[in-house]
Amino acid sequence: MEKKWKILHWIIIINFVLQILNGMYQVILWGGGITLLSGSTELTFDEMVTRRLYAIETWIAIVGLSIYLAIVYRDKLKA
């Protein structure tokens, strides 16, 4: 039974990491890799909203992974 929980644990972590990487890809490289410094004037409203939604999704995945790891490893984190 312990092995099943360990597999589930790693599936959850890998899922969060893939979500984070996908979100970063969508925010940074999507649409030709336009950075928002000077390229923000070239984006349409829909593209800007899409990038912002992916950025929010990425932050939610980062927070979710952090909370999950803090809960799972809370005994090891106590000093």
PDB file of N, CA and C in Angstrom:
ATOM      1  N   MET A   1       0.821  -1.201   0.000  1.00  0.00           N
ATOM      2  CA  MET A   1       0.000   0.000   0.000  1.00  0.00           C
ATOM      3  C   MET A   1       0.861   1.260   0.000  1.00  0.00           C
ATOM      4  N   GLU A   2       1.995   1.206   0.665  1.00  0.00           N
ATOM      5  CA  GLU A   2       2.891   2.366   0.724  1.00  0.00           C
ATOM      6  C   GLU A   2       3.394   2.749  -0.665  1.00  0.00           C
ATOM      7  N   LYS A   3       3.641   1.755  -1.513  1.00  0.00           N
ATOM      8  CA  LYS A   3       4.143   2.031  -2.853  1.00  0.00           C
ATOM      9  C   LYS A   3       3.108   2.788  -3.682  1.00  0.00           C
ATOM     10  N   LYS A   4       1.822   2.463  -3.511  1.00  0.00           N
ATOM     11  CA  LYS A   4       0.768   3.164  -4.239  1.00  0.00           C
ATOM     12  C   LYS A   4       0.723   4.640  -3.852  1.00  0.00           C
ATOM     13  N   TRP A   5       0.902   4.941  -2.559  1.00  0.00           N
ATOM     14  CA  TRP A   5       0.890   6.335  -2.111  1.00  0.00           C
ATOM     15  C   TRP A   5       2.098   7.093  -2.635  1.00  0.00           C
ATOM     16  N   LYS A   6       3.231   6.412  -2.700  1.00  0.00           N
ATOM     17  CA  LYS A   6       4.441   7.055  -3.224  1.00  0.00           C
ATOM     18  C   LYS A   6       4.284   7.365  -4.712  1.00  0.00           C
ATOM     19  N   ILE A   7       3.668   6.452  -5.454  1.00  0.00           N
ATOM     20  CA  ILE A   7       3.415   6.694  -6.877  1.00  0.00           C
ATOM     21  C   ILE A   7       2.453   7.869  -7.046  1.00  0.00           C
ATOM     22  N   LEU A   8       1.384   7.890  -6.247  1.00  0.00           N
ATOM     23  CA  LEU A   8       0.434   9.001  -6.306  1.00  0.00           C
ATOM     24  C   LEU A   8       1.110  10.323  -5.946  1.00  0.00           C
ATOM     25  N   HIS A   9       1.971  10.292  -4.945  1.00  0.00           N
ATOM     26  CA  HIS A   9       2.721  11.478  -4.523  1.00  0.00           C
ATOM     27  C   HIS A   9       3.541  12.037  -5.685  1.00  0.00           C
ATOM     28  N   TRP A  10       4.258  11.189  -6.385  1.00  0.00           N
ATOM     29  CA  TRP A  10       5.088  11.651  -7.498  1.00  0.00           C
ATOM     30  C   TRP A  10       4.253  12.075  -8.696  1.00  0.00           C
ATOM     31  N   ILE A  11       3.110  11.442  -8.910  1.00  0.00           N
ATOM     32  CA  ILE A  11       2.213  11.878  -9.985  1.00  0.00           C
ATOM     33  C   ILE A  11       1.714  13.294  -9.713  1.00  0.00           C
ATOM     34  N   ILE A  12       1.364  13.581  -8.458  1.00  0.00           N
ATOM     35  CA  ILE A  12       0.902  14.925  -8.101  1.00  0.00           C
ATOM     36  C   ILE A  12       2.009  15.944  -8.311  1.00  0.00           C
ATOM     37  N   ILE A  13       3.217  15.633  -7.872  1.00  0.00           N
ATOM     38  CA  ILE A  13       4.336  16.569  -8.027  1.00  0.00           C
ATOM     39  C   ILE A  13       4.653  16.797  -9.504  1.00  0.00           C
ATOM     40  N   ILE A  14       4.709  15.723 -10.284  1.00  0.00           N
ATOM     41  CA  ILE A  14       5.006  15.859 -11.714  1.00  0.00           C
ATOM     42  C   ILE A  14       3.913  16.664 -12.411  1.00  0.00           C
ATOM     43  N   ASN A  15       2.662  16.450 -12.022  1.00  0.00           N
ATOM     44  CA  ASN A  15       1.562  17.212 -12.610  1.00  0.00           C
ATOM     45  C   ASN A  15       1.721  18.708 -12.331  1.00  0.00           C
ATOM     46  N   PHE A  16       2.040  19.069 -11.091  1.00  0.00           N
ATOM     47  CA  PHE A  16       2.253  20.477 -10.757  1.00  0.00           C
ATOM     48  C   PHE A  16       3.420  21.063 -11.545  1.00  0.00           C
ATOM     49  N   VAL A  17       4.520  20.329 -11.634  1.00  0.00           N
ATOM     50  CA  VAL A  17       5.697  20.831 -12.355  1.00  0.00           C
ATOM     51  C   VAL A  17       5.378  21.025 -13.837  1.00  0.00           C
ATOM     52  N   LEU A  18       4.655  20.077 -14.429  1.00  0.00           N
ATOM     53  CA  LEU A  18       4.277  20.226 -15.839  1.00  0.00           C
ATOM     54  C   LEU A  18       3.343  21.415 -16.045  1.00  0.00           C
ATOM     55  N   GLN A  19       2.434  21.642 -15.101  1.00  0.00           N
ATOM     56  CA  GLN A  19       1.563  22.809 -15.178  1.00  0.00           C
ATOM     57  C   GLN A  19       2.371  24.098 -15.124  1.00  0.00           C
ATOM     58  N   ILE A  20       3.351  24.146 -14.239  1.00  0.00           N
ATOM     59  CA  ILE A  20       4.192  25.335 -14.106  1.00  0.00           C
ATOM     60  C   ILE A  20       4.993  25.568 -15.379  1.00  0.00           C
ATOM     61  N   LEU A  21       5.602  24.520 -15.908  1.00  0.00           N
ATOM     62  CA  LEU A  21       6.390  24.666 -17.135  1.00  0.00           C
ATOM     63  C   LEU A  21       5.520  25.073 -18.323  1.00  0.00           C
ATOM     64  N   ASN A  22       4.335  24.478 -18.434  1.00  0.00           N
ATOM     65  CA  ASN A  22       3.429  24.843 -19.521  1.00  0.00           C
ATOM     66  C   ASN A  22       2.989  26.300 -19.392  1.00  0.00           C
ATOM     67  N   GLY A  23       2.668  26.721 -18.194  1.00  0.00           N
ATOM     68  CA  GLY A  23       2.263  28.106 -17.994  1.00  0.00           C
ATOM     69  C   GLY A  23       3.374  29.081 -18.322  1.00  0.00           C
ATOM     70  N   MET A  24       4.600  28.754 -17.918  1.00  0.00           N
ATOM     71  CA  MET A  24       5.732  29.622 -18.244  1.00  0.00           C
ATOM     72  C   MET A  24       5.960  29.675 -19.754  1.00  0.00           C
ATOM     73  N   TYR A  25       5.822  28.542 -20.403  1.00  0.00           N
ATOM     74  CA  TYR A  25       5.968  28.515 -21.864  1.00  0.00           C
ATOM     75  C   TYR A  25       4.911  29.403 -22.518  1.00  0.00           C
ATOM     76  N   GLN A  26       3.676  29.277 -22.068  1.00  0.00           N
ATOM     77  CA  GLN A  26       2.590  30.045 -22.667  1.00  0.00           C
ATOM     78  C   GLN A  26       2.759  31.546 -22.430  1.00  0.00           C
ATOM     79  N   VAL A  27       3.303  31.916 -21.285  1.00  0.00           N
ATOM     80  CA  VAL A  27       3.478  33.337 -20.978  1.00  0.00           C
ATOM     81  C   VAL A  27       4.693  33.907 -21.694  1.00  0.00           C
ATOM     82  N   ILE A  28       5.797  33.164 -21.725  1.00  0.00           N
ATOM     83  CA  ILE A  28       7.053  33.714 -22.235  1.00  0.00           C
ATOM     84  C   ILE A  28       7.208  33.505 -23.733  1.00  0.00           C
ATOM     85  N   LEU A  29       6.940  32.316 -24.238  1.00  0.00           N
ATOM     86  CA  LEU A  29       7.257  32.005 -25.629  1.00  0.00           C
ATOM     87  C   LEU A  29       6.056  31.956 -26.560  1.00  0.00           C
ATOM     88  N   TRP A  30       4.862  31.971 -26.044  1.00  0.00           N
ATOM     89  CA  TRP A  30       3.671  31.876 -26.873  1.00  0.00           C
ATOM     90  C   TRP A  30       3.525  33.137 -27.719  1.00  0.00           C
ATOM     91  N   GLY A  31       3.126  32.978 -28.949  1.00  0.00           N
ATOM     92  CA  GLY A  31       2.934  34.127 -29.829  1.00  0.00           C
ATOM     93  C   GLY A  31       4.231  34.685 -30.369  1.00  0.00           C
ATOM     94  N   GLY A  32       5.207  33.835 -30.595  1.00  0.00           N
ATOM     95  CA  GLY A  32       6.456  34.290 -31.186  1.00  0.00           C
ATOM     96  C   GLY A  32       7.477  34.772 -30.185  1.00  0.00           C
ATOM     97  N   GLY A  33       7.242  34.548 -28.909  1.00  0.00           N
ATOM     98  CA  GLY A  33       8.225  34.933 -27.903  1.00  0.00           C
ATOM     99  C   GLY A  33       8.319  36.428 -27.666  1.00  0.00           C
ATOM    100  N   ILE A  34       7.208  37.132 -27.830  1.00  0.00           N
ATOM    101  CA  ILE A  34       7.219  38.575 -27.614  1.00  0.00           C
ATOM    102  C   ILE A  34       7.296  38.852 -26.118  1.00  0.00           C
ATOM    103  N   THR A  35       8.337  39.565 -25.700  1.00  0.00           N
ATOM    104  CA  THR A  35       8.388  39.992 -24.305  1.00  0.00           C
ATOM    105  C   THR A  35       7.487  41.204 -24.151  1.00  0.00           C
ATOM    106  N   LEU A  36       7.019  41.425 -22.964  1.00  0.00           N
ATOM    107  CA  LEU A  36       6.060  42.503 -22.771  1.00  0.00           C
ATOM    108  C   LEU A  36       6.708  43.855 -22.527  1.00  0.00           C
ATOM    109  N   LEU A  37       8.020  43.951 -22.630  1.00  0.00           N
ATOM    110  CA  LEU A  37       8.654  45.251 -22.448  1.00  0.00           C
ATOM    111  C   LEU A  37       8.266  46.188 -23.584  1.00  0.00           C
ATOM    112  N   SER A  38       8.696  45.887 -24.779  1.00  0.00           N
ATOM    113  CA  SER A  38       8.331  46.726 -25.918  1.00  0.00           C
ATOM    114  C   SER A  38       7.264  46.073 -26.785  1.00  0.00           C
ATOM    115  N   GLY A  39       7.075  44.784 -26.625  1.00  0.00           N
ATOM    116  CA  GLY A  39       6.127  44.062 -27.464  1.00  0.00           C
ATOM    117  C   GLY A  39       4.687  44.174 -27.006  1.00  0.00           C
ATOM    118  N   SER A  40       4.451  44.785 -25.854  1.00  0.00           N
ATOM    119  CA  SER A  40       3.082  44.862 -25.351  1.00  0.00           C
ATOM    120  C   SER A  40       2.194  45.725 -26.238  1.00  0.00           C
ATOM    121  N   THR A  41       2.784  46.640 -26.975  1.00  0.00           N
ATOM    122  CA  THR A  41       1.977  47.471 -27.873  1.00  0.00           C
ATOM    123  C   THR A  41       1.546  46.702 -29.114  1.00  0.00           C
ATOM    124  N   GLU A  42       2.214  45.593 -29.400  1.00  0.00           N
ATOM    125  CA  GLU A  42       1.887  44.792 -30.580  1.00  0.00           C
ATOM    126  C   GLU A  42       0.848  43.710 -30.295  1.00  0.00           C
ATOM    127  N   LEU A  43       0.549  43.464 -29.029  1.00  0.00           N
ATOM    128  CA  LEU A  43      -0.404  42.420 -28.675  1.00  0.00           C
ATOM    129  C   LEU A  43      -1.832  42.931 -28.784  1.00  0.00           C
ATOM    130  N   THR A  44      -2.708  42.040 -29.215  1.00  0.00           N
ATOM    131  CA  THR A  44      -4.129  42.383 -29.199  1.00  0.00           C
ATOM    132  C   THR A  44      -4.649  42.204 -27.779  1.00  0.00           C
ATOM    133  N   PHE A  45      -5.841  42.703 -27.546  1.00  0.00           N
ATOM    134  CA  PHE A  45      -6.440  42.583 -26.220  1.00  0.00           C
ATOM    135  C   PHE A  45      -6.618  41.120 -25.833  1.00  0.00           C
ATOM    136  N   ASP A  46      -7.074  40.298 -26.768  1.00  0.00           N
ATOM    137  CA  ASP A  46      -7.285  38.874 -26.484  1.00  0.00           C
ATOM    138  C   ASP A  46      -5.980  38.167 -26.130  1.00  0.00           C
ATOM    139  N   GLU A  47      -4.903  38.488 -26.831  1.00  0.00           N
ATOM    140  CA  GLU A  47      -3.605  37.882 -26.519  1.00  0.00           C
ATOM    141  C   GLU A  47      -3.122  38.306 -25.138  1.00  0.00           C
ATOM    142  N   MET A  48      -3.317  39.570 -24.794  1.00  0.00           N
ATOM    143  CA  MET A  48      -2.897  40.055 -23.483  1.00  0.00           C
ATOM    144  C   MET A  48      -3.675  39.348 -22.370  1.00  0.00           C
ATOM    145  N   VAL A  49      -4.986  39.226 -22.550  1.00  0.00           N
ATOM    146  CA  VAL A  49      -5.811  38.554 -21.548  1.00  0.00           C
ATOM    147  C   VAL A  49      -5.415  37.088 -21.430  1.00  0.00           C
ATOM    148  N   THR A  50      -5.161  36.433 -22.559  1.00  0.00           N
ATOM    149  CA  THR A  50      -4.757  35.029 -22.542  1.00  0.00           C
ATOM    150  C   THR A  50      -3.448  34.847 -21.789  1.00  0.00           C
ATOM    151  N   ARG A  51      -2.486  35.707 -22.041  1.00  0.00           N
ATOM    152  CA  ARG A  51      -1.200  35.606 -21.342  1.00  0.00           C
ATOM    153  C   ARG A  51      -1.365  35.846 -19.849  1.00  0.00           C
ATOM    154  N   ARG A  52      -2.202  36.801 -19.493  1.00  0.00           N
ATOM    155  CA  ARG A  52      -2.431  37.065 -18.065  1.00  0.00           C
ATOM    156  C   ARG A  52      -3.117  35.889 -17.388  1.00  0.00           C
ATOM    157  N   LEU A  53      -4.058  35.253 -18.072  1.00  0.00           N
ATOM    158  CA  LEU A  53      -4.721  34.084 -17.493  1.00  0.00           C
ATOM    159  C   LEU A  53      -3.742  32.926 -17.306  1.00  0.00           C
ATOM    160  N   TYR A  54      -2.851  32.737 -18.280  1.00  0.00           N
ATOM    161  CA  TYR A  54      -1.825  31.705 -18.110  1.00  0.00           C
ATOM    162  C   TYR A  54      -0.888  32.057 -16.960  1.00  0.00           C
ATOM    163  N   ALA A  55      -0.572  33.325 -16.789  1.00  0.00           N
ATOM    164  CA  ALA A  55       0.284  33.735 -15.676  1.00  0.00           C
ATOM    165  C   ALA A  55      -0.395  33.453 -14.341  1.00  0.00           C
ATOM    166  N   ILE A  56      -1.684  33.733 -14.250  1.00  0.00           N
ATOM    167  CA  ILE A  56      -2.421  33.443 -13.017  1.00  0.00           C
ATOM    168  C   ILE A  56      -2.454  31.940 -12.768  1.00  0.00           C
ATOM    169  N   GLU A  57      -2.693  31.167 -13.817  1.00  0.00           N
ATOM    170  CA  GLU A  57      -2.701  29.707 -13.685  1.00  0.00           C
ATOM    171  C   GLU A  57      -1.344  29.192 -13.203  1.00  0.00           C
ATOM    172  N   THR A  58      -0.275  29.799 -13.696  1.00  0.00           N
ATOM    173  CA  THR A  58       1.068  29.393 -13.275  1.00  0.00           C
ATOM    174  C   THR A  58       1.279  29.684 -11.798  1.00  0.00           C
ATOM    175  N   TRP A  59       0.864  30.863 -11.353  1.00  0.00           N
ATOM    176  CA  TRP A  59       1.018  31.191  -9.937  1.00  0.00           C
ATOM    177  C   TRP A  59       0.182  30.271  -9.054  1.00  0.00           C
ATOM    178  N   ILE A  60      -1.014  29.911  -9.501  1.00  0.00           N
ATOM    179  CA  ILE A  60      -1.842  28.984  -8.730  1.00  0.00           C
ATOM    180  C   ILE A  60      -1.157  27.624  -8.630  1.00  0.00           C
ATOM    181  N   ALA A  61      -0.542  27.164  -9.711  1.00  0.00           N
ATOM    182  CA  ALA A  61       0.176  25.883  -9.683  1.00  0.00           C
ATOM    183  C   ALA A  61       1.386  25.955  -8.757  1.00  0.00           C
ATOM    184  N   ILE A  62       2.107  27.079  -8.763  1.00  0.00           N
ATOM    185  CA  ILE A  62       3.265  27.240  -7.875  1.00  0.00           C
ATOM    186  C   ILE A  62       2.821  27.219  -6.418  1.00  0.00           C
ATOM    187  N   VAL A  63       1.753  27.947  -6.117  1.00  0.00           N
ATOM    188  CA  VAL A  63       1.238  27.974  -4.746  1.00  0.00           C
ATOM    189  C   VAL A  63       0.715  26.596  -4.354  1.00  0.00           C
ATOM    190  N   GLY A  64       0.013  25.926  -5.266  1.00  0.00           N
ATOM    191  CA  GLY A  64      -0.502  24.591  -4.975  1.00  0.00           C
ATOM    192  C   GLY A  64       0.610  23.600  -4.677  1.00  0.00           C
ATOM    193  N   LEU A  65       1.676  23.641  -5.465  1.00  0.00           N
ATOM    194  CA  LEU A  65       2.815  22.754  -5.215  1.00  0.00           C
ATOM    195  C   LEU A  65       3.470  23.081  -3.882  1.00  0.00           C
ATOM    196  N   SER A  66       3.616  24.354  -3.575  1.00  0.00           N
ATOM    197  CA  SER A  66       4.229  24.756  -2.306  1.00  0.00           C
ATOM    198  C   SER A  66       3.401  24.283  -1.117  1.00  0.00           C
ATOM    199  N   ILE A  67       2.093  24.466  -1.196  1.00  0.00           N
ATOM    200  CA  ILE A  67       1.215  24.027  -0.104  1.00  0.00           C
ATOM    201  C   ILE A  67       1.238  22.510   0.020  1.00  0.00           C
ATOM    202  N   TYR A  68       1.182  21.808  -1.103  1.00  0.00           N
ATOM    203  CA  TYR A  68       1.214  20.343  -1.067  1.00  0.00           C
ATOM    204  C   TYR A  68       2.501  19.839  -0.416  1.00  0.00           C
ATOM    205  N   LEU A  69       3.638  20.393  -0.836  1.00  0.00           N
ATOM    206  CA  LEU A  69       4.914  19.962  -0.258  1.00  0.00           C
ATOM    207  C   LEU A  69       5.010  20.326   1.220  1.00  0.00           C
ATOM    208  N   ALA A  70       4.474  21.482   1.599  1.00  0.00           N
ATOM    209  CA  ALA A  70       4.501  21.875   3.009  1.00  0.00           C
ATOM    210  C   ALA A  70       3.657  20.936   3.859  1.00  0.00           C
ATOM    211  N   ILE A  71       2.523  20.505   3.344  1.00  0.00           N
ATOM    212  CA  ILE A  71       1.669  19.582   4.098  1.00  0.00           C
ATOM    213  C   ILE A  71       2.302  18.201   4.178  1.00  0.00           C
ATOM    214  N   VAL A  72       2.811  17.706   3.067  1.00  0.00           N
ATOM    215  CA  VAL A  72       3.376  16.356   3.037  1.00  0.00           C
ATOM    216  C   VAL A  72       4.642  16.266   3.886  1.00  0.00           C
ATOM    217  N   TYR A  73       5.481  17.290   3.823  1.00  0.00           N
ATOM    218  CA  TYR A  73       6.767  17.247   4.519  1.00  0.00           C
ATOM    219  C   TYR A  73       6.791  18.118   5.770  1.00  0.00           C
ATOM    220  N   ARG A  74       5.627  18.373   6.387  1.00  0.00           N
ATOM    221  CA  ARG A  74       5.595  19.263   7.552  1.00  0.00           C
ATOM    222  C   ARG A  74       6.402  18.717   8.730  1.00  0.00           C
ATOM    223  N   ASP A  75       6.418  17.411   8.904  1.00  0.00           N
ATOM    224  CA  ASP A  75       7.201  16.841  10.004  1.00  0.00           C
ATOM    225  C   ASP A  75       8.694  16.998   9.763  1.00  0.00           C
ATOM    226  N   LYS A  76       9.122  16.876   8.523  1.00  0.00           N
ATOM    227  CA  LYS A  76      10.541  17.019   8.201  1.00  0.00           C
ATOM    228  C   LYS A  76      10.978  18.475   8.228  1.00  0.00           C
ATOM    229  N   LEU A  77      10.037  19.411   8.031  1.00  0.00           N
ATOM    230  CA  LEU A  77      10.376  20.828   8.008  1.00  0.00           C
ATOM    231  C   LEU A  77      10.462  21.442   9.401  1.00  0.00           C
ATOM    232  N   LYS A  78       9.894  20.757  10.397  1.00  0.00           N
ATOM    233  CA  LYS A  78       9.959  21.278  11.766  1.00  0.00           C
ATOM    234  C   LYS A  78      11.389  21.206  12.260  1.00  0.00           C
ATOM    235  N   ALA A  79      11.827  22.318  12.816  1.00  0.00           N
ATOM    236  CA  ALA A  79      13.215  22.347  13.295  1.00  0.00           C
ATOM    237  C   ALA A  79      13.273  22.367  14.800  1.00  0.00           C
TER     238      ALA A  79
END
